[in-house]
Amino acid sequence: MPKISVPQRKISLREAMFSKSEKVKVSKSLGRTLCEFSFSCPPAIPIAILGEIIDKDVINLLEYYDIDECNVVIE
């Protein structure tokens, strides 16, 4: 299993939720701000939450769990 770390928060949950967003490949999301995320089955413990910056550890975990796309804030 890849390393687990706590991502850095960039904006609030509310700001992230109401931001304009785009869907990108996880492999292209480094440094972007997560704005929407859903898991297909419970109990889902998020790897990162809205408003956090996607770093290499987050990408490694998403890829480990076969998640290939995520929604990020358009900046």
C-alpha atoms as a PDB file:
ATOM      1  CA  MET A   1       0.000   0.000   0.000  1.00  0.00           C
ATOM      2  CA  PRO A   2       1.301   3.502  -0.860  1.00  0.00           C
ATOM      3  CA  LYS A   3       2.247   6.046   1.798  1.00  0.00           C
ATOM      4  CA  ILE A   4      -0.626   7.814   3.561  1.00  0.00           C
ATOM      5  CA  SER A   5      -0.250  11.497   4.413  1.00  0.00           C
ATOM      6  CA  VAL A   6      -2.541  14.419   5.196  1.00  0.00           C
ATOM      7  CA  PRO A   7      -2.908  16.725   2.164  1.00  0.00           C
ATOM      8  CA  GLN A   8      -2.577  20.496   2.570  1.00  0.00           C
ATOM      9  CA  ARG A   9      -5.821  22.507   2.610  1.00  0.00           C
ATOM     10  CA  LYS A  10      -5.993  25.340   0.075  1.00  0.00           C
ATOM     11  CA  ILE A  11      -9.630  26.500   0.287  1.00  0.00           C
ATOM     12  CA  SER A  12     -12.638  25.734   2.483  1.00  0.00           C
ATOM     13  CA  LEU A  13     -15.068  22.898   1.793  1.00  0.00           C
ATOM     14  CA  ARG A  14     -17.721  25.464   0.898  1.00  0.00           C
ATOM     15  CA  GLU A  15     -15.461  27.314  -1.542  1.00  0.00           C
ATOM     16  CA  ALA A  16     -14.481  24.033  -3.184  1.00  0.00           C
ATOM     17  CA  MET A  17     -18.079  22.873  -3.494  1.00  0.00           C
ATOM     18  CA  PHE A  18     -19.193  26.062  -5.238  1.00  0.00           C
ATOM     19  CA  SER A  19     -16.137  26.534  -7.458  1.00  0.00           C
ATOM     20  CA  LYS A  20     -16.169  25.956 -11.192  1.00  0.00           C
ATOM     21  CA  SER A  21     -14.657  22.567 -11.838  1.00  0.00           C
ATOM     22  CA  GLU A  22     -13.393  20.203 -14.469  1.00  0.00           C
ATOM     23  CA  LYS A  23     -12.842  16.454 -14.587  1.00  0.00           C
ATOM     24  CA  VAL A  24      -9.210  15.435 -15.116  1.00  0.00           C
ATOM     25  CA  LYS A  25      -7.194  12.246 -15.114  1.00  0.00           C
ATOM     26  CA  VAL A  26      -5.677  11.575 -11.704  1.00  0.00           C
ATOM     27  CA  SER A  27      -2.266  11.393 -13.369  1.00  0.00           C
ATOM     28  CA  LYS A  28      -2.711  15.032 -14.492  1.00  0.00           C
ATOM     29  CA  SER A  29      -4.031  16.377 -11.164  1.00  0.00           C
ATOM     30  CA  LEU A  30      -0.789  17.064  -9.269  1.00  0.00           C
ATOM     31  CA  GLY A  31      -0.989  20.427  -7.496  1.00  0.00           C
ATOM     32  CA  ARG A  32      -4.670  20.951  -8.323  1.00  0.00           C
ATOM     33  CA  THR A  33      -7.395  21.527  -5.705  1.00  0.00           C
ATOM     34  CA  LEU A  34      -9.943  18.774  -5.228  1.00  0.00           C
ATOM     35  CA  CYS A  35     -13.520  20.044  -5.471  1.00  0.00           C
ATOM     36  CA  GLU A  36     -15.721  16.971  -5.770  1.00  0.00           C
ATOM     37  CA  PHE A  37     -15.152  13.383  -4.952  1.00  0.00           C
ATOM     38  CA  SER A  38     -17.328  10.342  -4.553  1.00  0.00           C
ATOM     39  CA  PHE A  39     -16.684   6.695  -3.900  1.00  0.00           C
ATOM     40  CA  SER A  40     -18.802   3.934  -5.348  1.00  0.00           C
ATOM     41  CA  CYS A  41     -19.219   1.852  -2.226  1.00  0.00           C
ATOM     42  CA  PRO A  42     -19.366   2.347   1.555  1.00  0.00           C
ATOM     43  CA  PRO A  43     -17.652   2.552   3.903  1.00  0.00           C
ATOM     44  CA  ALA A  44     -15.644   5.046   1.955  1.00  0.00           C
ATOM     45  CA  ILE A  45     -12.896   6.891   3.768  1.00  0.00           C
ATOM     46  CA  PRO A  46     -11.745   9.745   1.545  1.00  0.00           C
ATOM     47  CA  ILE A  47      -8.122   9.877   0.497  1.00  0.00           C
ATOM     48  CA  ALA A  48      -8.460  13.657   0.209  1.00  0.00           C
ATOM     49  CA  ILE A  49     -11.379  15.977   0.863  1.00  0.00           C
ATOM     50  CA  LEU A  50     -12.740  19.029  -0.913  1.00  0.00           C
ATOM     51  CA  GLY A  51     -10.400  21.992  -0.855  1.00  0.00           C
ATOM     52  CA  GLU A  52      -7.199  19.989  -0.402  1.00  0.00           C
ATOM     53  CA  ILE A  53      -4.260  20.058  -2.797  1.00  0.00           C
ATOM     54  CA  ILE A  54      -3.646  16.829  -4.664  1.00  0.00           C
ATOM     55  CA  ASP A  55      -0.071  15.719  -4.019  1.00  0.00           C
ATOM     56  CA  LYS A  56       1.929  12.696  -5.156  1.00  0.00           C
ATOM     57  CA  ASP A  57       0.780  10.609  -2.157  1.00  0.00           C
ATOM     58  CA  VAL A  58      -2.875  11.289  -3.013  1.00  0.00           C
ATOM     59  CA  ILE A  59      -2.263  10.361  -6.657  1.00  0.00           C
ATOM     60  CA  ASN A  60      -0.514   7.132  -5.646  1.00  0.00           C
ATOM     61  CA  LEU A  61      -3.424   6.125  -3.403  1.00  0.00           C
ATOM     62  CA  LEU A  62      -6.080   6.993  -5.985  1.00  0.00           C
ATOM     63  CA  GLU A  63      -4.232   4.933  -8.577  1.00  0.00           C
ATOM     64  CA  TYR A  64      -3.782   2.088  -6.070  1.00  0.00           C
ATOM     65  CA  TYR A  65      -7.588   1.946  -5.708  1.00  0.00           C
ATOM     66  CA  ASP A  66      -8.089   2.168  -9.505  1.00  0.00           C
ATOM     67  CA  ILE A  67      -9.583   5.669  -9.427  1.00  0.00           C
ATOM     68  CA  ASP A  68      -8.553   7.350 -12.657  1.00  0.00           C
ATOM     69  CA  GLU A  69     -10.483  10.657 -12.696  1.00  0.00           C
ATOM     70  CA  CYS A  70     -11.343  13.400 -10.221  1.00  0.00           C
ATOM     71  CA  ASN A  71     -12.935  16.834 -10.281  1.00  0.00           C
ATOM     72  CA  VAL A  72     -10.688  19.784  -9.573  1.00  0.00           C
ATOM     73  CA  VAL A  73     -11.156  23.524  -9.220  1.00  0.00           C
ATOM     74  CA  ILE A  74     -10.662  25.566 -12.375  1.00  0.00           C
ATOM     75  CA  GLU A  75      -8.142  28.244 -11.364  1.00  0.00           C
END
